[in-house]
Amino acid sequence: MADNQTKEKNAALRAVDAVCDLLSSFFLPFIGLLAAAGIMKGIVALLATTGAIVEGSETYAVVNAMGDALFYFIPAFLALTSAERFGVNKFVALLAACILLHPDVTAVMGAGNDFALFGALPVKAVTYSSSVIPILLTVYLLKWCQVLCQKILPEMVRDLLTPPVCLIIAIPVSLMVFGPLGTVVGSWLAAGYEAIYSLSPIVAGLVIGAFFQVMVIFGFNWGIFPIMLNNIAVFGFDTILPMMGGSTFAQGGAALAVALRTKNKKLRTTAISAVVATMFGITEPAVYGVNLRLKKPMVCACVGGAVGGAIAGAFGVQASGFAFPALTTLPVFWNVAFPAFLISLAVSFVVGFVLTAVVGFEDVADEDLVEADAE
């Protein structure tokens, strides 16, 4: 009995490791770009805060696009990396991402009205820009569509008909299933948060701080954003955004510990740039390029985020506008509890750093990083 339980536990751990490795591999090829874009977004926020550029101006639009474009069009980048991983025609995968991001599709989805595709297939209004899971599932579906076409289409027209057949199958499925999936699960999580916060802000902060980055990985975080915006519109402030700060800075602390402990020069460089990015509110380089890849640092960062989130919840820290916690957006969190917010960020960073330094991790060999880049 005990042996069976041990085997089941080991199998579950292997499954978790496989999922973490898979998700990390999608982001590793352009992790440096993510860090650079994060720094650029931070610079833009700093320039806007200090009045160097006026938000809403033409200059702001152009400069902001320099930092925001990668995150907006991240489904296109993921289409290329996941196509490489799944063995899918990368141009077909890229085209699928472009279809989901097309201005006409974005406009229809942005209107917020559900509709029937071809008058019969129900489609829920979902925005695909900056999303992760829908395009990954779409490319995976393209893989099997491609295999099916290779089997049933005559060789004479196979190359010509495979791309359109794959897209005709995959795009409707993505619109009907993959896109709404994250929204539905996110709405469940949002309802759970409201229930938890009504019982205890401390527990709510602990949950948000611990699991927000995990929600980001699976795209479930989008279900919380409408609550944040609604809180700001109705009450003039939001309490969720400050709780997210701990999860962000804890990722930076864990990444810094990795940078100091690893013997791999390339990983150290990636980790250092990831730490800088987290200071500007961008966690993707730290999560996908460092902590999730090494597993234990990710757990340590989640613990650090939980501590920081609990502190922010305990003192009722508020955000007066919609801005992700970062050094450049601190004015948004300026209120009577502002000192507590700074403490929550510092504590999260320190806890993530110390736990990772103490717990340690299995270092990455040089050849592993080379293989990841090659993929």
Protein backbone atom coordinates (compact mmCIF):
# COMPACT_ATOMS: atom_id res chain seq x y z
CA MET A 1 0.00 0.00 0.00
CA ALA A 2 2.76 2.38 1.00
CA ASP A 3 4.71 1.49 -2.13
CA ASN A 4 1.70 2.27 -4.31
CA GLN A 5 1.23 5.63 -2.61
CA THR A 6 4.90 6.44 -3.10
CA LYS A 7 4.69 5.51 -6.78
CA GLU A 8 1.59 7.66 -7.23
CA LYS A 9 3.30 10.57 -5.48
CA ASN A 10 6.41 10.21 -7.62
CA ALA A 11 4.27 10.02 -10.75
CA ALA A 12 2.46 13.21 -9.74
CA LEU A 13 5.77 14.98 -9.10
CA ARG A 14 7.09 13.86 -12.47
CA ALA A 15 3.94 15.18 -14.11
CA VAL A 16 4.36 18.55 -12.40
CA ASP A 17 8.03 18.66 -13.45
CA ALA A 18 7.08 17.86 -17.02
CA VAL A 19 4.49 20.65 -17.12
CA CYS A 20 6.95 23.15 -15.63
CA ASP A 21 9.65 22.16 -18.12
CA LEU A 22 7.20 22.38 -21.01
CA LEU A 23 5.94 25.85 -20.07
CA SER A 24 9.47 27.13 -19.47
CA SER A 25 10.66 25.87 -22.85
CA PHE A 26 8.07 28.03 -24.62
CA PHE A 27 9.50 31.22 -23.11
CA LEU A 28 13.23 30.50 -22.89
CA PRO A 29 14.03 31.34 -26.55
CA PHE A 30 12.93 34.97 -26.06
CA ILE A 31 13.39 35.39 -22.32
CA GLY A 32 15.99 38.11 -22.88
CA LEU A 33 13.49 40.09 -24.93
CA LEU A 34 10.95 39.79 -22.13
CA ALA A 35 13.42 41.26 -19.66
CA ALA A 36 14.30 44.09 -22.03
CA ALA A 37 10.64 44.85 -22.70
CA GLY A 38 9.94 44.86 -18.97
CA ILE A 39 12.70 47.39 -18.36
CA MET A 40 11.37 49.52 -21.22
CA LYS A 41 7.86 49.49 -19.75
CA GLY A 42 9.31 50.58 -16.41
CA ILE A 43 11.16 53.46 -18.06
CA VAL A 44 7.98 54.57 -19.82
CA ALA A 45 6.05 54.49 -16.53
CA LEU A 46 8.80 56.51 -14.85
CA LEU A 47 8.83 59.10 -17.64
CA ALA A 48 5.04 59.41 -17.45
CA THR A 49 5.07 59.69 -13.65
CA THR A 50 7.69 62.46 -13.69
CA GLY A 51 5.93 64.33 -16.49
CA ALA A 52 8.76 63.89 -18.99
CA ILE A 53 6.18 62.57 -21.45
CA VAL A 54 2.43 63.16 -21.35
CA GLU A 55 0.25 60.09 -21.14
CA GLY A 56 -2.12 60.04 -24.10
CA SER A 57 0.19 62.03 -26.35
CA GLU A 58 1.61 60.80 -29.66
CA THR A 59 5.07 60.52 -28.11
CA TYR A 60 3.71 58.41 -25.27
CA ALA A 61 1.91 56.11 -27.74
CA VAL A 62 5.10 55.45 -29.71
CA VAL A 63 7.39 55.02 -26.70
CA ASN A 64 4.85 52.88 -24.86
CA ALA A 65 4.56 50.59 -27.90
CA MET A 66 8.30 49.89 -27.65
CA GLY A 67 7.82 48.26 -24.27
CA ASP A 68 4.29 46.95 -24.69
CA ALA A 69 4.43 45.36 -28.15
CA LEU A 70 6.08 42.13 -27.02
CA PHE A 71 3.52 41.55 -24.29
CA TYR A 72 0.60 42.45 -26.55
CA PHE A 73 1.78 40.14 -29.33
CA ILE A 74 3.17 37.42 -27.08
CA PRO A 75 0.79 34.82 -28.60
CA ALA A 76 2.72 35.22 -31.88
CA PHE A 77 6.04 34.55 -30.18
CA LEU A 78 4.59 31.58 -28.33
CA ALA A 79 3.16 30.26 -31.59
CA LEU A 80 6.68 30.02 -32.99
CA THR A 81 8.27 28.40 -29.94
CA SER A 82 5.41 25.96 -29.30
CA ALA A 83 5.30 25.03 -33.00
CA GLU A 84 8.97 24.13 -32.75
CA ARG A 85 8.27 22.02 -29.66
CA PHE A 86 5.17 20.28 -31.06
CA GLY A 87 6.51 19.76 -34.57
CA VAL A 88 3.97 22.05 -36.24
CA ASN A 89 4.55 24.19 -39.32
CA LYS A 90 5.72 27.38 -37.61
CA PHE A 91 4.23 29.69 -40.24
CA VAL A 92 0.80 28.08 -39.89
CA ALA A 93 1.07 28.45 -36.11
CA LEU A 94 2.12 32.09 -36.49
CA LEU A 95 -0.79 32.73 -38.83
CA ALA A 96 -3.17 31.24 -36.25
CA ALA A 97 -1.86 33.72 -33.66
CA CYS A 98 -2.21 36.58 -36.14
CA ILE A 99 -5.82 35.60 -36.79
CA LEU A 100 -6.62 35.72 -33.08
CA LEU A 101 -4.88 39.12 -32.82
CA HIS A 102 -6.32 40.57 -36.05
CA PRO A 103 -7.85 44.05 -35.53
CA ASP A 104 -11.25 42.85 -36.73
CA VAL A 105 -11.28 39.90 -34.34
CA THR A 106 -9.99 42.12 -31.52
CA ALA A 107 -12.74 44.66 -32.23
CA VAL A 108 -15.46 42.00 -32.19
CA MET A 109 -14.13 40.52 -28.96
CA GLY A 110 -13.54 43.94 -27.42
CA ALA A 111 -17.21 44.81 -27.86
CA GLY A 112 -17.87 42.25 -25.13
CA ASN A 113 -20.82 40.63 -26.84
CA ASP A 114 -20.99 36.86 -27.24
CA PHE A 115 -22.00 35.74 -30.72
CA ALA A 116 -22.61 32.69 -32.90
CA LEU A 117 -19.96 31.80 -35.47
CA PHE A 118 -21.63 30.82 -38.78
CA GLY A 119 -24.88 31.46 -36.93
CA ALA A 120 -24.57 28.21 -34.96
CA LEU A 121 -21.28 27.93 -33.05
CA PRO A 122 -21.35 29.85 -29.74
CA VAL A 123 -18.35 32.12 -29.14
CA LYS A 124 -17.65 33.97 -25.91
CA ALA A 125 -16.06 37.41 -26.21
CA VAL A 126 -12.45 36.98 -25.08
CA THR A 127 -9.44 39.20 -25.78
CA TYR A 128 -6.41 37.23 -26.98
CA SER A 129 -3.73 39.90 -26.75
CA SER A 130 -1.20 39.17 -23.98
CA SER A 131 -2.77 35.72 -23.47
CA VAL A 132 -0.73 32.53 -23.11
CA ILE A 133 -2.80 29.36 -22.78
CA PRO A 134 -5.19 29.79 -25.77
CA ILE A 135 -2.42 29.93 -28.38
CA LEU A 136 -0.52 27.03 -26.80
CA LEU A 137 -3.62 24.85 -26.90
CA THR A 138 -4.35 26.02 -30.44
CA VAL A 139 -0.88 25.06 -31.68
CA TYR A 140 -1.17 21.69 -29.94
CA LEU A 141 -4.47 21.13 -31.76
CA LEU A 142 -2.79 22.16 -35.01
CA LYS A 143 -0.32 19.35 -34.45
CA TRP A 144 -3.07 16.71 -34.59
CA CYS A 145 -4.85 18.44 -37.44
CA GLN A 146 -1.58 18.36 -39.34
CA VAL A 147 -1.16 14.64 -38.61
CA LEU A 148 -4.74 13.98 -39.77
CA CYS A 149 -4.18 15.90 -43.01
CA GLN A 150 -1.00 13.97 -43.70
CA LYS A 151 -2.97 10.75 -43.48
CA ILE A 152 -6.13 11.56 -45.42
CA LEU A 153 -5.16 14.16 -48.03
CA PRO A 154 -3.74 13.02 -51.38
CA GLU A 155 -0.05 13.75 -51.73
CA MET A 156 -0.72 15.90 -54.81
CA VAL A 157 -2.65 18.55 -52.79
CA ARG A 158 -1.35 17.84 -49.28
CA ASP A 159 1.00 20.81 -49.01
CA LEU A 160 -1.60 23.15 -50.48
CA LEU A 161 -4.62 22.08 -48.43
CA THR A 162 -3.07 21.19 -45.06
CA PRO A 163 -2.68 24.80 -43.77
CA PRO A 164 -6.26 25.95 -44.55
CA VAL A 165 -7.81 22.72 -43.29
CA CYS A 166 -5.83 22.96 -40.03
CA LEU A 167 -6.83 26.59 -39.52
CA ILE A 168 -10.48 26.00 -40.37
CA ILE A 169 -10.58 23.37 -37.62
CA ALA A 170 -8.33 24.97 -35.01
CA ILE A 171 -9.49 28.61 -35.04
CA PRO A 172 -13.19 27.93 -34.29
CA VAL A 173 -12.20 25.49 -31.53
CA SER A 174 -9.88 28.10 -30.07
CA LEU A 175 -12.62 30.75 -30.16
CA MET A 176 -15.25 28.45 -28.68
CA VAL A 177 -13.18 26.53 -26.12
CA PHE A 178 -9.59 27.58 -25.49
CA GLY A 179 -10.15 31.31 -25.10
CA PRO A 180 -13.14 31.11 -22.76
CA LEU A 181 -11.43 28.40 -20.68
CA GLY A 182 -9.11 30.85 -18.93
CA THR A 183 -11.93 33.35 -18.44
CA VAL A 184 -14.27 30.79 -16.89
CA VAL A 185 -11.68 29.44 -14.48
CA GLY A 186 -10.57 32.98 -13.73
CA SER A 187 -14.12 33.98 -12.85
CA TRP A 188 -14.28 31.09 -10.40
CA LEU A 189 -11.04 32.23 -8.82
CA ALA A 190 -12.31 35.82 -8.66
CA ALA A 191 -15.47 34.71 -6.87
CA GLY A 192 -13.33 32.69 -4.48
CA TYR A 193 -11.19 35.76 -3.76
CA GLU A 194 -14.22 37.89 -2.91
CA ALA A 195 -15.43 35.22 -0.50
CA ILE A 196 -12.01 34.94 1.15
CA TYR A 197 -11.50 38.72 1.44
CA SER A 198 -14.87 39.17 3.09
CA LEU A 199 -13.77 36.69 5.76
CA SER A 200 -10.16 37.85 6.25
CA PRO A 201 -8.02 40.38 4.29
CA ILE A 202 -4.92 38.68 5.69
CA VAL A 203 -5.89 35.29 4.30
CA ALA A 204 -6.88 36.94 1.00
CA GLY A 205 -3.46 38.60 0.80
CA LEU A 206 -1.74 35.33 1.61
CA VAL A 207 -3.64 33.50 -1.16
CA ILE A 208 -3.11 36.24 -3.78
CA GLY A 209 0.56 36.62 -2.87
CA ALA A 210 1.19 32.88 -2.97
CA PHE A 211 -0.70 31.90 -6.10
CA PHE A 212 -0.97 34.96 -8.35
CA GLN A 213 2.12 34.07 -10.39
CA VAL A 214 0.80 30.51 -10.73
CA MET A 215 -2.46 31.98 -12.05
CA VAL A 216 -0.45 34.06 -14.53
CA ILE A 217 1.25 30.91 -15.84
CA PHE A 218 -2.10 29.35 -16.73
CA GLY A 219 -3.76 32.61 -17.80
CA PHE A 220 -6.35 32.52 -15.02
CA ASN A 221 -5.30 35.96 -13.71
CA TRP A 222 -7.52 37.68 -16.28
CA GLY A 223 -10.60 36.77 -14.27
CA ILE A 224 -9.41 39.01 -11.43
CA PHE A 225 -8.68 42.09 -13.54
CA PRO A 226 -12.36 43.08 -14.00
CA ILE A 227 -12.76 43.09 -10.21
CA MET A 228 -9.75 45.42 -9.84
CA LEU A 229 -11.10 47.83 -12.45
CA ASN A 230 -14.58 47.71 -10.96
CA ASN A 231 -13.23 48.44 -7.47
CA ILE A 232 -11.36 51.50 -8.75
CA ALA A 233 -14.40 52.75 -10.67
CA VAL A 234 -16.86 52.24 -7.80
CA PHE A 235 -14.77 52.83 -4.68
CA GLY A 236 -11.86 54.84 -6.05
CA PHE A 237 -9.34 52.22 -4.91
CA ASP A 238 -8.46 48.52 -5.14
CA THR A 239 -6.98 46.11 -2.59
CA ILE A 240 -5.94 43.26 -4.90
CA LEU A 241 -3.17 45.12 -6.73
CA PRO A 242 -1.14 45.79 -3.56
CA MET A 243 -1.36 42.11 -2.62
CA MET A 244 0.17 41.24 -5.99
CA GLY A 245 3.27 43.26 -5.13
CA GLY A 246 4.62 40.57 -2.84
CA SER A 247 4.36 37.91 -5.53
CA THR A 248 6.28 40.12 -7.96
CA PHE A 249 9.15 41.08 -5.68
CA ALA A 250 9.47 37.59 -4.22
CA GLN A 251 10.17 36.30 -7.72
CA GLY A 252 12.96 38.86 -7.96
CA GLY A 253 14.41 37.81 -4.61
CA ALA A 254 14.43 34.14 -5.60
CA ALA A 255 16.02 34.98 -8.95
CA LEU A 256 18.75 36.99 -7.19
CA ALA A 257 19.57 34.01 -4.98
CA VAL A 258 19.85 31.87 -8.11
CA ALA A 259 22.16 34.44 -9.70
CA LEU A 260 24.46 34.34 -6.67
CA ARG A 261 24.47 30.55 -6.27
CA THR A 262 24.51 29.22 -9.82
CA LYS A 263 27.79 28.31 -11.48
CA ASN A 264 26.26 28.65 -14.92
CA LYS A 265 27.28 32.02 -16.36
CA LYS A 266 24.41 32.16 -18.84
CA LEU A 267 21.82 31.36 -16.18
CA ARG A 268 23.40 33.99 -13.91
CA THR A 269 23.05 36.61 -16.63
CA THR A 270 19.43 35.63 -17.23
CA ALA A 271 18.68 35.71 -13.50
CA ILE A 272 20.22 39.16 -13.01
CA SER A 273 18.25 40.65 -15.89
CA ALA A 274 15.13 38.95 -14.48
CA VAL A 275 15.68 40.62 -11.10
CA VAL A 276 15.85 44.02 -12.79
CA ALA A 277 12.66 43.27 -14.72
CA THR A 278 10.75 42.39 -11.53
CA MET A 279 11.64 45.80 -10.12
CA PHE A 280 9.71 47.22 -13.07
CA GLY A 281 6.76 44.88 -12.41
CA ILE A 282 7.56 42.26 -15.07
CA THR A 283 7.87 38.70 -13.73
CA GLU A 284 7.91 36.57 -16.89
CA PRO A 285 11.74 36.47 -17.18
CA ALA A 286 12.08 35.44 -13.52
CA VAL A 287 9.23 32.93 -13.61
CA TYR A 288 9.81 31.22 -16.95
CA GLY A 289 13.53 31.79 -17.37
CA VAL A 290 14.71 31.02 -13.84
CA ASN A 291 12.41 30.04 -10.99
CA LEU A 292 9.88 27.78 -12.68
CA ARG A 293 12.67 26.10 -14.62
CA LEU A 294 14.50 25.26 -11.37
CA LYS A 295 11.25 24.45 -9.48
CA LYS A 296 12.40 24.98 -5.87
CA PRO A 297 13.00 28.74 -6.31
CA MET A 298 9.44 29.01 -7.63
CA VAL A 299 8.07 27.45 -4.45
CA CYS A 300 10.25 29.74 -2.34
CA ALA A 301 9.03 32.77 -4.28
CA CYS A 302 5.41 31.72 -3.71
CA VAL A 303 6.07 31.56 0.04
CA GLY A 304 7.68 35.01 -0.04
CA GLY A 305 4.72 36.36 -2.00
CA ALA A 306 2.33 34.89 0.55
CA VAL A 307 4.08 36.69 3.41
CA GLY A 308 4.12 40.01 1.55
CA GLY A 309 0.52 39.66 0.45
CA ALA A 310 -0.59 38.93 4.00
CA ILE A 311 1.17 42.10 5.22
CA ALA A 312 -0.51 44.21 2.53
CA GLY A 313 -3.88 42.69 3.41
CA ALA A 314 -3.42 43.15 7.14
CA PHE A 315 -2.77 46.89 6.79
CA GLY A 316 -5.41 47.45 4.11
CA VAL A 317 -3.03 48.81 1.48
CA GLN A 318 -4.88 50.37 -1.45
CA ALA A 319 -4.14 51.27 -5.06
CA SER A 320 -5.71 54.49 -6.38
CA GLY A 321 -5.33 53.40 -10.00
CA PHE A 322 -4.68 50.34 -12.16
CA ALA A 323 -0.92 49.75 -12.17
CA PHE A 324 1.11 46.63 -11.51
CA PRO A 325 3.29 46.97 -8.40
CA ALA A 326 6.78 48.20 -9.32
CA LEU A 327 9.31 50.80 -8.26
CA THR A 328 8.07 53.07 -11.04
CA THR A 329 4.39 52.82 -10.02
CA LEU A 330 4.79 53.45 -6.28
CA PRO A 331 2.79 56.72 -6.43
CA VAL A 332 -0.33 54.70 -7.29
CA PHE A 333 -0.12 53.06 -3.85
CA TRP A 334 0.42 56.30 -1.93
CA ASN A 335 -1.98 56.36 1.03
CA VAL A 336 -1.91 56.06 4.82
CA ALA A 337 -0.76 52.44 4.53
CA PHE A 338 2.04 53.23 2.05
CA PRO A 339 4.84 52.36 4.55
CA ALA A 340 3.23 48.95 5.06
CA PHE A 341 3.20 48.45 1.30
CA LEU A 342 6.94 49.16 1.08
CA ILE A 343 7.52 46.74 3.96
CA SER A 344 5.48 44.04 2.20
CA LEU A 345 7.60 44.40 -0.94
CA ALA A 346 10.86 44.31 0.99
CA VAL A 347 9.83 41.35 3.13
CA SER A 348 8.66 39.38 0.08
CA PHE A 349 11.95 40.00 -1.69
CA VAL A 350 14.00 39.00 1.35
CA VAL A 351 11.94 35.87 2.10
CA GLY A 352 12.14 34.73 -1.52
CA PHE A 353 15.89 35.36 -1.53
CA VAL A 354 16.66 33.72 1.82
CA LEU A 355 14.49 30.65 1.26
CA THR A 356 16.01 30.02 -2.17
CA ALA A 357 19.52 30.49 -0.79
CA VAL A 358 18.84 28.06 2.06
CA VAL A 359 16.76 25.45 0.21
CA GLY A 360 18.96 25.57 -2.88
CA PHE A 361 18.22 24.10 -6.30
CA GLU A 362 19.59 21.70 -8.85
CA ASP A 363 21.84 23.83 -10.99
CA VAL A 364 21.46 23.87 -14.78
CA ALA A 365 24.30 22.52 -16.88
CA ASP A 366 25.62 24.64 -19.74
CA GLU A 367 24.51 22.13 -22.33
CA ASP A 368 20.92 22.26 -21.02
CA LEU A 369 20.71 25.98 -21.70
CA VAL A 370 22.23 25.52 -25.11
CA GLU A 371 19.60 22.88 -25.95
CA ALA A 372 16.83 25.16 -24.70
CA ASP A 373 18.04 27.99 -26.92
CA ALA A 374 18.29 25.63 -29.87
CA GLU A 375 14.70 24.62 -29.41
